[in-house]
Amino acid sequence: MAKQRMIVTDDQLLIDMDLLFNAIREANGDWEKVERDMKAYLQTVQNMVTEE
């Protein structure tokens, strides 16, 4: 069975811990940047839904 890495709901991103910690590592520990990126991603998805 395939592993889900991310589930997107109307107002939440449910993210696999490995994916999240890898993103923080790639950002050289800048968790605030990762937080901004995830919020921007959620906003983009929300905008796609409201535009339909």
N, C-alpha and C. Protein backbone atom coordinates (compact mmCIF):
# COMPACT_ATOMS: atom_id res chain seq x y z
N MET A 1 0.84 -1.18 0.00
CA MET A 1 0.00 0.00 0.00
C MET A 1 0.89 1.24 0.00
N ALA A 2 0.53 2.21 -0.81
CA ALA A 2 1.32 3.44 -0.92
C ALA A 2 1.18 4.28 0.35
N LYS A 3 2.27 4.91 0.72
CA LYS A 3 2.27 5.76 1.91
C LYS A 3 1.85 7.18 1.51
N GLN A 4 0.91 7.73 2.25
CA GLN A 4 0.50 9.11 2.00
C GLN A 4 1.49 10.04 2.69
N ARG A 5 1.96 11.03 1.97
CA ARG A 5 2.92 11.99 2.52
C ARG A 5 2.23 13.27 2.97
N MET A 6 1.11 13.61 2.31
CA MET A 6 0.43 14.85 2.64
C MET A 6 -1.05 14.69 2.34
N ILE A 7 -1.86 15.18 3.25
CA ILE A 7 -3.30 15.24 3.06
C ILE A 7 -3.69 16.71 3.18
N VAL A 8 -4.43 17.20 2.21
CA VAL A 8 -4.85 18.60 2.21
C VAL A 8 -6.35 18.66 2.46
N THR A 9 -6.74 19.39 3.50
CA THR A 9 -8.15 19.63 3.76
C THR A 9 -8.42 21.10 3.47
N ASP A 10 -9.64 21.55 3.74
CA ASP A 10 -9.98 22.95 3.45
C ASP A 10 -9.09 23.94 4.19
N ASP A 11 -8.69 23.59 5.40
CA ASP A 11 -7.94 24.56 6.20
C ASP A 11 -6.68 23.98 6.86
N GLN A 12 -6.26 22.78 6.43
CA GLN A 12 -5.10 22.15 7.05
C GLN A 12 -4.25 21.39 6.04
N LEU A 13 -2.97 21.32 6.36
CA LEU A 13 -2.07 20.39 5.69
C LEU A 13 -1.67 19.36 6.73
N LEU A 14 -1.94 18.11 6.46
CA LEU A 14 -1.50 17.03 7.34
C LEU A 14 -0.29 16.42 6.66
N ILE A 15 0.90 16.60 7.28
CA ILE A 15 2.16 16.27 6.62
C ILE A 15 2.88 15.15 7.36
N ASP A 16 3.40 14.21 6.61
CA ASP A 16 4.23 13.15 7.15
C ASP A 16 5.44 13.76 7.86
N MET A 17 5.77 13.25 9.03
CA MET A 17 6.88 13.80 9.81
C MET A 17 8.20 13.74 9.05
N ASP A 18 8.44 12.66 8.32
CA ASP A 18 9.68 12.56 7.54
C ASP A 18 9.77 13.69 6.52
N LEU A 19 8.66 13.96 5.85
CA LEU A 19 8.62 15.03 4.86
C LEU A 19 8.90 16.38 5.52
N LEU A 20 8.28 16.61 6.66
CA LEU A 20 8.46 17.87 7.37
C LEU A 20 9.91 18.06 7.83
N PHE A 21 10.47 17.04 8.48
CA PHE A 21 11.84 17.17 8.98
C PHE A 21 12.85 17.25 7.84
N ASN A 22 12.60 16.58 6.74
CA ASN A 22 13.48 16.71 5.58
C ASN A 22 13.45 18.13 5.04
N ALA A 23 12.27 18.73 5.02
CA ALA A 23 12.15 20.12 4.56
C ALA A 23 12.93 21.06 5.48
N ILE A 24 12.87 20.82 6.78
CA ILE A 24 13.63 21.65 7.73
C ILE A 24 15.13 21.46 7.52
N ARG A 25 15.56 20.22 7.31
CA ARG A 25 16.98 19.97 7.04
C ARG A 25 17.44 20.68 5.77
N GLU A 26 16.62 20.60 4.72
CA GLU A 26 16.98 21.25 3.45
C GLU A 26 17.05 22.76 3.61
N ALA A 27 16.30 23.31 4.56
CA ALA A 27 16.33 24.75 4.83
C ALA A 27 17.39 25.09 5.87
N ASN A 28 18.32 24.17 6.10
CA ASN A 28 19.40 24.37 7.08
C ASN A 28 18.87 24.73 8.47
N GLY A 29 17.78 24.05 8.85
CA GLY A 29 17.23 24.25 10.19
C GLY A 29 16.29 25.43 10.33
N ASP A 30 16.05 26.15 9.25
CA ASP A 30 15.18 27.33 9.31
C ASP A 30 13.72 26.89 9.27
N TRP A 31 13.21 26.48 10.44
CA TRP A 31 11.84 25.97 10.50
C TRP A 31 10.82 27.06 10.20
N GLU A 32 11.19 28.32 10.47
CA GLU A 32 10.26 29.42 10.17
C GLU A 32 10.06 29.56 8.66
N LYS A 33 11.12 29.34 7.88
CA LYS A 33 10.99 29.36 6.42
C LYS A 33 10.08 28.23 5.96
N VAL A 34 10.27 27.05 6.53
CA VAL A 34 9.43 25.91 6.17
C VAL A 34 7.98 26.20 6.54
N GLU A 35 7.77 26.82 7.69
CA GLU A 35 6.41 27.18 8.09
C GLU A 35 5.79 28.15 7.09
N ARG A 36 6.55 29.16 6.67
CA ARG A 36 6.04 30.11 5.67
C ARG A 36 5.72 29.40 4.36
N ASP A 37 6.61 28.51 3.94
CA ASP A 37 6.40 27.77 2.70
C ASP A 37 5.14 26.91 2.76
N MET A 38 4.94 26.24 3.89
CA MET A 38 3.76 25.38 4.03
C MET A 38 2.47 26.21 4.06
N LYS A 39 2.52 27.35 4.73
CA LYS A 39 1.35 28.24 4.76
C LYS A 39 1.05 28.77 3.36
N ALA A 40 2.09 29.11 2.61
CA ALA A 40 1.90 29.59 1.24
C ALA A 40 1.32 28.49 0.36
N TYR A 41 1.79 27.26 0.55
CA TYR A 41 1.26 26.13 -0.21
C TYR A 41 -0.22 25.93 0.09
N LEU A 42 -0.59 25.97 1.38
CA LEU A 42 -1.99 25.82 1.76
C LEU A 42 -2.83 26.94 1.16
N GLN A 43 -2.33 28.16 1.19
CA GLN A 43 -3.07 29.29 0.62
C GLN A 43 -3.27 29.10 -0.88
N THR A 44 -2.25 28.60 -1.57
CA THR A 44 -2.37 28.34 -3.00
C THR A 44 -3.45 27.31 -3.28
N VAL A 45 -3.46 26.24 -2.50
CA VAL A 45 -4.48 25.20 -2.68
C VAL A 45 -5.87 25.77 -2.39
N GLN A 46 -5.99 26.55 -1.32
CA GLN A 46 -7.28 27.14 -0.98
C GLN A 46 -7.76 28.07 -2.09
N ASN A 47 -6.85 28.83 -2.69
CA ASN A 47 -7.23 29.72 -3.79
C ASN A 47 -7.68 28.93 -5.01
N MET A 48 -7.06 27.79 -5.26
CA MET A 48 -7.47 26.95 -6.39
C MET A 48 -8.89 26.46 -6.20
N VAL A 49 -9.25 26.12 -4.98
CA VAL A 49 -10.59 25.60 -4.69
C VAL A 49 -11.63 26.71 -4.80
N THR A 50 -11.31 27.90 -4.29
CA THR A 50 -12.28 28.99 -4.32
C THR A 50 -12.47 29.54 -5.72
N GLU A 51 -11.50 29.34 -6.61
CA GLU A 51 -11.62 29.82 -7.98
C GLU A 51 -12.50 28.93 -8.84
N GLU A 52 -12.74 27.70 -8.42
CA GLU A 52 -13.52 26.76 -9.23
C GLU A 52 -14.97 27.12 -9.28
